[in-house]
């Protein structure tokens, strides 16, 4: 029974790590999506 509990903890740990990495990637994508229009606006103003 102890082995099954250890496997459950290990599976839960890897699941949480995987979800944390996924949230981190989504946060970076959201930040870059928000920042990109400002950068494009700066480039267009600089060319004018």
PDB file of N, CA and C in Angstrom:
ATOM      1  N   UNK A   1       0.825  -1.197   0.000  1.00  0.00           N
ATOM      2  CA  UNK A   1       0.000   0.000   0.000  1.00  0.00           C
ATOM      3  C   UNK A   1       0.864   1.254   0.000  1.00  0.00           C
ATOM      4  N   UNK A   2       2.013   1.183   0.665  1.00  0.00           N
ATOM      5  CA  UNK A   2       2.906   2.339   0.684  1.00  0.00           C
ATOM      6  C   UNK A   2       3.432   2.672  -0.696  1.00  0.00           C
ATOM      7  N   UNK A   3       3.661   1.639  -1.506  1.00  0.00           N
ATOM      8  CA  UNK A   3       4.164   1.876  -2.864  1.00  0.00           C
ATOM      9  C   UNK A   3       3.127   2.611  -3.708  1.00  0.00           C
ATOM     10  N   UNK A   4       1.861   2.253  -3.551  1.00  0.00           N
ATOM     11  CA  UNK A   4       0.796   2.914  -4.314  1.00  0.00           C
ATOM     12  C   UNK A   4       0.674   4.374  -3.899  1.00  0.00           C
ATOM     13  N   UNK A   5       0.813   4.650  -2.605  1.00  0.00           N
ATOM     14  CA  UNK A   5       0.732   6.038  -2.126  1.00  0.00           C
ATOM     15  C   UNK A   5       1.902   6.843  -2.684  1.00  0.00           C
ATOM     16  N   UNK A   6       3.087   6.238  -2.723  1.00  0.00           N
ATOM     17  CA  UNK A   6       4.259   6.935  -3.265  1.00  0.00           C
ATOM     18  C   UNK A   6       4.054   7.250  -4.745  1.00  0.00           C
ATOM     19  N   UNK A   7       3.490   6.297  -5.490  1.00  0.00           N
ATOM     20  CA  UNK A   7       3.216   6.547  -6.909  1.00  0.00           C
ATOM     21  C   UNK A   7       2.186   7.654  -7.083  1.00  0.00           C
ATOM     22  N   UNK A   8       1.173   7.692  -6.206  1.00  0.00           N
ATOM     23  CA  UNK A   8       0.162   8.752  -6.290  1.00  0.00           C
ATOM     24  C   UNK A   8       0.801  10.116  -6.037  1.00  0.00           C
ATOM     25  N   UNK A   9       1.677  10.202  -5.039  1.00  0.00           N
ATOM     26  CA  UNK A   9       2.345  11.473  -4.763  1.00  0.00           C
ATOM     27  C   UNK A   9       3.234  11.881  -5.932  1.00  0.00           C
ATOM     28  N   UNK A  10       3.930  10.910  -6.507  1.00  0.00           N
ATOM     29  CA  UNK A  10       4.809  11.213  -7.639  1.00  0.00           C
ATOM     30  C   UNK A  10       3.999  11.682  -8.844  1.00  0.00           C
ATOM     31  N   UNK A  11       2.879  11.022  -9.116  1.00  0.00           N
ATOM     32  CA  UNK A  11       2.022  11.421 -10.236  1.00  0.00           C
ATOM     33  C   UNK A  11       1.443  12.810  -9.991  1.00  0.00           C
ATOM     34  N   UNK A  12       1.009  13.077  -8.778  1.00  0.00           N
ATOM     35  CA  UNK A  12       0.481  14.396  -8.452  1.00  0.00           C
ATOM     36  C   UNK A  12       1.540  15.476  -8.571  1.00  0.00           C
ATOM     37  N   UNK A  13       2.760  15.170  -8.156  1.00  0.00           N
ATOM     38  CA  UNK A  13       3.858  16.137  -8.254  1.00  0.00           C
ATOM     39  C   UNK A  13       4.151  16.482  -9.710  1.00  0.00           C
ATOM     40  N   UNK A  14       4.260  15.468 -10.555  1.00  0.00           N
ATOM     41  CA  UNK A  14       4.546  15.737 -11.970  1.00  0.00           C
ATOM     42  C   UNK A  14       3.376  16.441 -12.648  1.00  0.00           C
ATOM     43  N   UNK A  15       2.146  16.126 -12.225  1.00  0.00           N
ATOM     44  CA  UNK A  15       0.983  16.820 -12.775  1.00  0.00           C
ATOM     45  C   UNK A  15       1.014  18.295 -12.410  1.00  0.00           C
ATOM     46  N   UNK A  16       1.331  18.606 -11.156  1.00  0.00           N
ATOM     47  CA  UNK A  16       1.406  20.006 -10.727  1.00  0.00           C
ATOM     48  C   UNK A  16       2.547  20.738 -11.422  1.00  0.00           C
ATOM     49  N   UNK A  17       3.682  20.084 -11.590  1.00  0.00           N
ATOM     50  CA  UNK A  17       4.807  20.723 -12.291  1.00  0.00           C
ATOM     51  C   UNK A  17       4.428  20.986 -13.741  1.00  0.00           C
ATOM     52  N   UNK A  18       3.786  20.025 -14.385  1.00  0.00           N
ATOM     53  CA  UNK A  18       3.363  20.212 -15.769  1.00  0.00           C
ATOM     54  C   UNK A  18       2.357  21.343 -15.913  1.00  0.00           C
ATOM     55  N   UNK A  19       1.401  21.413 -14.997  1.00  0.00           N
ATOM     56  CA  UNK A  19       0.416  22.495 -15.046  1.00  0.00           C
ATOM     57  C   UNK A  19       1.076  23.849 -14.786  1.00  0.00           C
ATOM     58  N   UNK A  20       2.044  23.897 -13.874  1.00  0.00           N
ATOM     59  CA  UNK A  20       2.741  25.154 -13.583  1.00  0.00           C
ATOM     60  C   UNK A  20       3.522  25.621 -14.807  1.00  0.00           C
ATOM     61  N   UNK A  21       4.171  24.707 -15.507  1.00  0.00           N
ATOM     62  CA  UNK A  21       4.906  25.077 -16.719  1.00  0.00           C
ATOM     63  C   UNK A  21       3.938  25.570 -17.785  1.00  0.00           C
ATOM     64  N   UNK A  22       2.793  24.923 -17.918  1.00  0.00           N
ATOM     65  CA  UNK A  22       1.793  25.341 -18.901  1.00  0.00           C
ATOM     66  C   UNK A  22       1.266  26.743 -18.586  1.00  0.00           C
ATOM     67  N   UNK A  23       0.984  27.005 -17.321  1.00  0.00           N
ATOM     68  CA  UNK A  23       0.514  28.344 -16.921  1.00  0.00           C
ATOM     69  C   UNK A  23       1.592  29.378 -17.182  1.00  0.00           C
ATOM     70  N   UNK A  24       2.853  29.040 -16.909  1.00  0.00           N
ATOM     71  CA  UNK A  24       3.963  29.965 -17.147  1.00  0.00           C
ATOM     72  C   UNK A  24       4.086  30.302 -18.632  1.00  0.00           C
ATOM     73  N   UNK A  25       3.978  29.294 -19.492  1.00  0.00           N
ATOM     74  CA  UNK A  25       4.058  29.526 -20.935  1.00  0.00           C
ATOM     75  C   UNK A  25       2.893  30.390 -21.408  1.00  0.00           C
ATOM     76  N   UNK A  26       1.702  30.114 -20.896  1.00  0.00           N
ATOM     77  CA  UNK A  26       0.530  30.920 -21.282  1.00  0.00           C
ATOM     78  C   UNK A  26       0.679  32.363 -20.805  1.00  0.00           C
ATOM     79  N   UNK A  27       1.245  32.565 -19.631  1.00  0.00           N
ATOM     80  CA  UNK A  27       1.440  33.922 -19.125  1.00  0.00           C
ATOM     81  C   UNK A  27       2.439  34.682 -20.002  1.00  0.00           C
ATOM     82  N   UNK A  28       3.517  34.024 -20.413  1.00  0.00           N
ATOM     83  CA  UNK A  28       4.492  34.675 -21.294  1.00  0.00           C
ATOM     84  C   UNK A  28       3.838  35.017 -22.630  1.00  0.00           C
ATOM     85  N   UNK A  29       3.033  34.114 -23.171  1.00  0.00           N
ATOM     86  CA  UNK A  29       2.353  34.375 -24.440  1.00  0.00           C
ATOM     87  C   UNK A  29       1.379  35.545 -24.307  1.00  0.00           C
ATOM     88  N   UNK A  30       0.663  35.618 -23.195  1.00  0.00           N
ATOM     89  CA  UNK A  30      -0.280  36.719 -22.994  1.00  0.00           C
ATOM     90  C   UNK A  30       0.455  38.049 -22.865  1.00  0.00           C
ATOM     91  N   UNK A  31       1.561  38.058 -22.126  1.00  0.00           N
ATOM     92  CA  UNK A  31       2.327  39.299 -21.967  1.00  0.00           C
ATOM     93  C   UNK A  31       2.890  39.748 -23.307  1.00  0.00           C
ATOM     94  N   UNK A  32       3.427  38.824 -24.088  1.00  0.00           N
ATOM     95  CA  UNK A  32       3.980  39.203 -25.393  1.00  0.00           C
ATOM     96  C   UNK A  32       2.875  39.669 -26.336  1.00  0.00           C
ATOM     97  N   UNK A  33       1.679  39.084 -26.231  1.00  0.00           N
ATOM     98  CA  UNK A  33       0.568  39.520 -27.085  1.00  0.00           C
ATOM     99  C   UNK A  33       0.124  40.934 -26.704  1.00  0.00           C
ATOM    100  N   UNK A  34       0.189  41.272 -25.436  1.00  0.00           N
ATOM    101  CA  UNK A  34      -0.200  42.614 -24.994  1.00  0.00           C
ATOM    102  C   UNK A  34       0.884  43.630 -25.359  1.00  0.00           C
ATOM    103  N   UNK A  35       2.137  43.232 -25.257  1.00  0.00           N
ATOM    104  CA  UNK A  35       3.237  44.178 -25.500  1.00  0.00           C
ATOM    105  C   UNK A  35       3.489  44.401 -26.993  1.00  0.00           C
ATOM    106  N   UNK A  36       3.148  43.452 -27.833  1.00  0.00           N
ATOM    107  CA  UNK A  36       3.475  43.554 -29.263  1.00  0.00           C
ATOM    108  C   UNK A  36       2.806  44.758 -29.948  1.00  0.00           C
ATOM    109  N   UNK A  37       1.507  45.065 -29.708  1.00  0.00           N
ATOM    110  CA  UNK A  37       0.917  46.236 -30.375  1.00  0.00           C
ATOM    111  C   UNK A  37       1.620  47.536 -30.010  1.00  0.00           C
ATOM    112  N   UNK A  38       2.072  47.677 -28.770  1.00  0.00           N
ATOM    113  CA  UNK A  38       2.780  48.884 -28.370  1.00  0.00           C
ATOM    114  C   UNK A  38       4.102  48.990 -29.139  1.00  0.00           C
ATOM    115  N   UNK A  39       4.793  47.876 -29.292  1.00  0.00           N
ATOM    116  CA  UNK A  39       6.057  47.909 -30.039  1.00  0.00           C
ATOM    117  C   UNK A  39       5.804  48.253 -31.500  1.00  0.00           C
ATOM    118  N   UNK A  40       4.746  47.677 -32.103  1.00  0.00           N
ATOM    119  CA  UNK A  40       4.450  47.992 -33.500  1.00  0.00           C
ATOM    120  C   UNK A  40       4.062  49.468 -33.650  1.00  0.00           C
ATOM    121  N   UNK A  41       3.345  50.001 -32.655  1.00  0.00           N
ATOM    122  CA  UNK A  41       2.966  51.417 -32.708  1.00  0.00           C
ATOM    123  C   UNK A  41       4.224  52.293 -32.614  1.00  0.00           C
ATOM    124  N   UNK A  42       5.162  51.908 -31.782  1.00  0.00           N
ATOM    125  CA  UNK A  42       6.405  52.682 -31.684  1.00  0.00           C
ATOM    126  C   UNK A  42       7.185  52.634 -32.994  1.00  0.00           C
ATOM    127  N   UNK A  43       7.212  51.477 -33.643  1.00  0.00           N
ATOM    128  CA  UNK A  43       7.946  51.368 -34.905  1.00  0.00           C
ATOM    129  C   UNK A  43       7.292  52.227 -35.993  1.00  0.00           C
ATOM    130  N   UNK A  44       5.959  52.213 -36.065  1.00  0.00           N
ATOM    131  CA  UNK A  44       5.281  53.009 -37.077  1.00  0.00           C
ATOM    132  C   UNK A  44       5.478  54.499 -36.831  1.00  0.00           C
ATOM    133  N   UNK A  45       5.462  54.925 -35.573  1.00  0.00           N
ATOM    134  CA  UNK A  45       5.697  56.337 -35.276  1.00  0.00           C
ATOM    135  C   UNK A  45       7.137  56.723 -35.595  1.00  0.00           C
ATOM    136  N   UNK A  46       8.075  55.796 -35.362  1.00  0.00           N
ATOM    137  CA  UNK A  46       9.469  56.100 -35.640  1.00  0.00           C
ATOM    138  C   UNK A  46       9.706  56.234 -37.143  1.00  0.00           C
ATOM    139  N   UNK A  47       8.982  55.488 -37.957  1.00  0.00           N
ATOM    140  CA  UNK A  47       9.174  55.560 -39.418  1.00  0.00           C
ATOM    141  C   UNK A  47       8.564  56.841 -39.993  1.00  0.00           C
ATOM    142  N   UNK A  48       7.520  57.358 -39.364  1.00  0.00           N
ATOM    143  CA  UNK A  48       6.911  58.591 -39.861  1.00  0.00           C
ATOM    144  C   UNK A  48       7.827  59.757 -39.523  1.00  0.00           C
TER     145      UNK A  48
END
